[in-house]
Amino acid sequence: MIDDPGSAAGRGVRKDGRVLDAEVMPEATGGHLEILERAVGGIVGPVIALPVTELSGFRGHPLIRWSAALSDRLADGPGPILDRPTLSLWESAACSHGAPPAPLQIVGFVSTAPWRHALPAARQLRGFGVGCVLTTTRPSPIKLLEADYAGVHVIHVDPRGAAQVLVHGDHVAWRQPRMVATRYWEERLLAHALAAGCVRLPQPTVTPEPTAPETLWEATGHRWPH
C-alpha cells in the first residue's frame, strides 16, 4: 500500500546531532544503524540492524533480534558454528533438545543500494523476513508501484534523519520452513555481529589459585616466638 506524503514511521535526530546527508547512502554515514533501527521500528517493532554484509548473494543490513539464550550460549556454549554437518545434526529431530539454542532470529533485510539493485534484493530475501528499501531520494510513482506489487516496504529518510514510510509492503513474509540453511545464516550473522563488535563475549572470571596456609615459621619471619 502506497502512503500519501504526510504519513511517517518515526521522526528524530540523533542526540549528538548527526543526520543523514541527502547525497550519501546511509551505510557511508556515521550512526546510520540507529537511523535504520528507528526507520524500520514502526514496521517490524524493535530490532537490531547489523552492519552491511552479504546474505544469499545480496548486500545489505540484516535485521535481527537476539535470542533470550544468547548470554548462556556465549558464556558456556560454542561460538558461531558454520560446519553444515554439525548444523544438520543440531536441526535434526534426534538432537533438537540437546543442540545449542539459536543465537538470534532473523527478522528481515534492509537494502540501501541504488534502486535497481535494492528492490530485487529486498524482494528475493523476503524468505528471511520483511524486505525493506531505505532511500535518501524519493522514488518515482512508478517505482513505488513496483515495490508495492513486490510486497516490499519503502522508507525515505530526509537530510534531518526523519523517516517516512512511502510503501507498506507485506507484513506476512514469505518465510521458508526452518531448515539447516536457516541455522547456517543465524550462525553466520552471529559471527558477523561478533566481528563487527555488535555483541561482546562475556569475559571469563579469573579465580585466583589457592595458596597453602602460612606456617608459624613463615609468619614470625623465620624466628620462633619466645
Protein backbone atom coordinates (compact mmCIF):
# COMPACT_ATOMS: atom_id res chain seq x y z
CA MET A 1 0.00 0.00 0.00
CA ILE A 2 1.42 3.38 -1.03
CA ASP A 3 1.11 6.12 1.56
CA ASP A 4 0.48 9.80 0.96
CA PRO A 5 3.38 12.19 1.63
CA GLY A 6 2.07 13.00 5.11
CA SER A 7 2.44 9.55 6.67
CA ALA A 8 5.54 8.93 8.74
CA ALA A 9 7.07 5.93 10.50
CA GLY A 10 9.01 7.96 13.00
CA ARG A 11 10.96 11.15 13.32
CA GLY A 12 14.01 12.19 15.19
CA VAL A 13 17.64 13.18 15.03
CA ARG A 14 20.47 11.59 16.97
CA LYS A 15 21.32 13.29 20.25
CA ASP A 16 24.81 14.10 19.01
CA GLY A 17 23.30 15.95 16.06
CA ARG A 18 24.44 13.63 13.27
CA VAL A 19 21.95 13.36 10.43
CA LEU A 20 21.87 11.78 7.01
CA ASP A 21 23.18 13.78 4.11
CA ALA A 22 20.92 13.65 1.07
CA GLU A 23 23.88 12.85 -1.19
CA VAL A 24 25.24 9.97 0.90
CA MET A 25 23.79 6.49 1.31
CA PRO A 26 23.21 5.52 4.96
CA GLU A 27 25.94 2.86 5.08
CA ALA A 28 28.53 5.61 4.46
CA THR A 29 27.27 7.80 7.32
CA GLY A 30 28.24 7.50 10.98
CA GLY A 31 25.43 6.36 13.26
CA HIS A 32 23.40 5.01 10.36
CA LEU A 33 22.46 1.84 12.25
CA GLU A 34 20.49 3.87 14.80
CA ILE A 35 18.66 5.63 11.99
CA LEU A 36 17.91 2.29 10.31
CA GLU A 37 16.52 0.85 13.54
CA ARG A 38 14.26 3.86 14.10
CA ALA A 39 13.14 3.82 10.48
CA VAL A 40 12.06 0.18 10.42
CA GLY A 41 10.88 0.10 14.04
CA GLY A 42 7.42 1.35 13.07
CA ILE A 43 7.09 -1.60 10.69
CA VAL A 44 8.60 -4.58 12.49
CA GLY A 45 8.97 -3.35 16.07
CA PRO A 46 12.26 -3.15 18.00
CA VAL A 47 15.12 -4.76 16.08
CA ILE A 48 18.89 -4.71 15.83
CA ALA A 49 20.28 -3.57 12.47
CA LEU A 50 23.64 -5.16 11.73
CA PRO A 51 26.33 -3.56 9.57
CA VAL A 52 26.26 -4.29 5.85
CA THR A 53 27.03 -7.88 4.90
CA GLU A 54 26.21 -10.41 2.21
CA LEU A 55 23.12 -12.56 2.55
CA SER A 56 22.46 -15.16 -0.16
CA GLY A 57 24.32 -13.11 -2.73
CA PHE A 58 22.82 -9.72 -1.79
CA ARG A 59 24.41 -6.99 0.32
CA GLY A 60 22.50 -5.02 2.89
CA HIS A 61 21.63 -4.68 6.58
CA PRO A 62 20.18 -7.79 8.27
CA LEU A 63 17.52 -7.08 10.89
CA ILE A 64 17.69 -9.40 13.90
CA ARG A 65 16.50 -9.98 17.45
CA TRP A 66 18.83 -11.64 19.91
CA SER A 67 17.74 -14.92 21.46
CA ALA A 68 16.97 -14.93 25.18
CA ALA A 69 19.57 -17.69 25.48
CA LEU A 70 22.36 -15.64 23.89
CA SER A 71 24.22 -14.97 27.14
CA ASP A 72 24.30 -18.65 28.07
CA ARG A 73 25.32 -19.57 24.55
CA LEU A 74 28.25 -17.16 24.55
CA ALA A 75 29.30 -17.90 28.11
CA ASP A 76 29.14 -21.69 28.13
CA GLY A 77 28.34 -22.88 24.62
CA PRO A 78 30.27 -22.93 21.36
CA GLY A 79 30.92 -19.83 19.32
CA PRO A 80 29.50 -19.45 15.80
CA ILE A 81 29.40 -22.83 14.04
CA LEU A 82 29.39 -22.86 10.24
CA ASP A 83 30.03 -26.57 9.71
CA ARG A 84 27.00 -27.81 7.80
CA PRO A 85 27.13 -31.47 9.01
CA THR A 86 27.15 -30.21 12.60
CA LEU A 87 24.27 -27.82 11.91
CA SER A 88 22.36 -30.62 10.19
CA LEU A 89 22.73 -32.71 13.34
CA TRP A 90 21.59 -29.80 15.51
CA GLU A 91 18.47 -29.29 13.39
CA SER A 92 17.59 -32.99 13.32
CA ALA A 93 14.75 -34.27 15.49
CA ALA A 94 17.11 -36.61 17.34
CA CYS A 95 19.25 -33.68 18.54
CA SER A 96 16.65 -30.93 18.79
CA HIS A 97 16.63 -30.91 22.62
CA GLY A 98 20.39 -31.22 23.06
CA ALA A 99 21.61 -28.71 20.48
CA PRO A 100 22.72 -25.21 21.48
CA PRO A 101 19.85 -22.72 21.10
CA ALA A 102 19.76 -20.45 18.09
CA PRO A 103 21.59 -17.21 18.98
CA LEU A 104 19.22 -14.90 17.13
CA GLN A 105 16.12 -14.57 14.98
CA ILE A 106 16.36 -13.06 11.51
CA VAL A 107 13.54 -10.52 11.21
CA GLY A 108 14.24 -9.12 7.74
CA PHE A 109 16.60 -7.27 5.47
CA VAL A 110 17.15 -3.63 4.52
CA SER A 111 18.84 -2.61 1.30
CA THR A 112 20.30 0.88 0.91
CA ALA A 113 21.73 0.25 -2.56
CA PRO A 114 20.62 2.17 -5.67
CA TRP A 115 17.04 1.33 -6.61
CA ARG A 116 17.85 -1.05 -9.46
CA HIS A 117 19.76 -3.26 -7.01
CA ALA A 118 17.82 -2.57 -3.81
CA LEU A 119 14.37 -3.68 -4.94
CA PRO A 120 15.45 -7.10 -6.32
CA ALA A 121 17.49 -7.73 -3.17
CA ALA A 122 14.62 -6.87 -0.80
CA ARG A 123 12.21 -8.93 -2.88
CA GLN A 124 14.43 -12.01 -3.14
CA LEU A 125 15.31 -12.05 0.56
CA ARG A 126 11.73 -11.99 1.82
CA GLY A 127 12.18 -15.66 2.63
CA PHE A 128 14.15 -14.46 5.67
CA GLY A 129 11.52 -11.95 6.81
CA VAL A 130 10.31 -8.49 5.79
CA GLY A 131 12.04 -6.80 2.89
CA CYS A 132 12.76 -3.06 3.05
CA VAL A 133 14.36 -0.48 0.79
CA LEU A 134 15.70 2.60 2.55
CA THR A 135 16.49 5.56 0.35
CA THR A 136 17.56 9.18 0.77
CA THR A 137 15.91 10.21 -2.50
CA ARG A 138 12.18 9.94 -3.15
CA PRO A 139 11.48 7.28 -5.83
CA SER A 140 9.14 7.99 -8.71
CA PRO A 141 5.49 6.86 -8.50
CA ILE A 142 6.21 4.05 -10.98
CA LYS A 143 8.99 2.70 -8.76
CA LEU A 144 6.74 2.89 -5.71
CA LEU A 145 4.07 0.91 -7.55
CA GLU A 146 6.70 -1.67 -8.44
CA ALA A 147 7.66 -2.03 -4.77
CA ASP A 148 4.02 -2.22 -3.73
CA TYR A 149 3.42 -5.05 -6.20
CA ALA A 150 6.51 -6.88 -4.86
CA GLY A 151 5.35 -6.52 -1.25
CA VAL A 152 8.47 -4.56 -0.29
CA HIS A 153 8.48 -1.71 2.23
CA VAL A 154 9.98 1.58 1.06
CA ILE A 155 11.25 4.08 3.63
CA HIS A 156 12.51 7.55 2.78
CA VAL A 157 14.96 9.27 5.15
CA ASP A 158 15.37 13.00 4.71
CA PRO A 159 18.53 15.05 5.47
CA ARG A 160 17.32 15.66 9.04
CA GLY A 161 17.08 11.93 9.72
CA ALA A 162 13.26 11.81 9.68
CA ALA A 163 11.91 8.51 8.33
CA GLN A 164 8.74 8.28 6.26
CA VAL A 165 7.14 5.07 5.00
CA LEU A 166 6.24 5.53 1.34
CA VAL A 167 5.11 1.94 0.71
CA HIS A 168 3.77 -0.52 3.24
CA GLY A 169 4.81 -3.95 1.98
CA ASP A 170 3.51 -7.28 3.15
CA HIS A 171 3.88 -7.84 6.89
CA VAL A 172 3.48 -11.57 6.38
CA ALA A 173 6.85 -12.57 4.97
CA TRP A 174 7.30 -15.44 2.55
CA ARG A 175 9.12 -17.39 5.23
CA GLN A 176 10.53 -20.70 4.19
CA PRO A 177 10.19 -23.69 6.55
CA ARG A 178 13.04 -23.91 9.04
CA MET A 179 15.93 -25.91 7.65
CA VAL A 180 19.69 -26.34 8.02
CA ALA A 181 20.23 -23.23 5.89
CA THR A 182 18.21 -21.19 8.40
CA ARG A 183 20.54 -22.21 11.22
CA TYR A 184 23.57 -21.60 8.99
CA TRP A 185 22.57 -17.97 8.39
CA GLU A 186 21.78 -17.45 12.08
CA GLU A 187 25.27 -18.67 12.99
CA ARG A 188 26.86 -16.66 10.20
CA LEU A 189 25.16 -13.46 11.33
CA LEU A 190 26.31 -14.15 14.89
CA ALA A 191 29.87 -14.38 13.56
CA HIS A 192 29.35 -11.16 11.62
CA ALA A 193 27.97 -9.36 14.70
CA LEU A 194 30.89 -10.52 16.84
CA ALA A 195 33.43 -9.44 14.21
CA ALA A 196 31.74 -6.04 13.89
CA GLY A 197 31.66 -5.51 17.66
CA CYS A 198 27.86 -5.54 17.87
CA VAL A 199 27.91 -8.03 20.73
CA ARG A 200 30.71 -8.80 23.11
CA LEU A 201 31.67 -12.14 24.57
CA PRO A 202 31.46 -12.16 28.36
CA GLN A 203 34.88 -12.09 29.95
CA PRO A 204 35.74 -15.24 31.91
CA THR A 205 36.01 -14.84 35.66
CA VAL A 206 39.57 -15.33 36.85
CA THR A 207 39.72 -17.40 40.01
CA PRO A 208 42.98 -16.98 41.94
CA GLU A 209 44.98 -20.10 42.56
CA PRO A 210 44.64 -21.39 46.13
CA THR A 211 47.72 -20.83 48.28
CA ALA A 212 48.99 -23.00 51.08
CA PRO A 213 48.32 -21.67 54.58
CA GLU A 214 51.19 -19.73 56.10
CA THR A 215 53.25 -21.69 58.63
CA LEU A 216 54.17 -20.37 62.06
CA TRP A 217 57.82 -20.26 60.98
CA GLU A 218 56.93 -18.04 57.99
CA ALA A 219 54.51 -15.90 59.99
CA THR A 220 57.21 -14.99 62.53
CA GLY A 221 59.85 -14.08 59.91
CA HIS A 222 61.69 -17.36 60.35
CA ARG A 223 62.06 -16.76 64.09
CA TRP A 224 60.49 -18.94 66.67
CA PRO A 225 58.41 -16.97 69.13
CA HIS A 226 59.73 -16.86 72.72
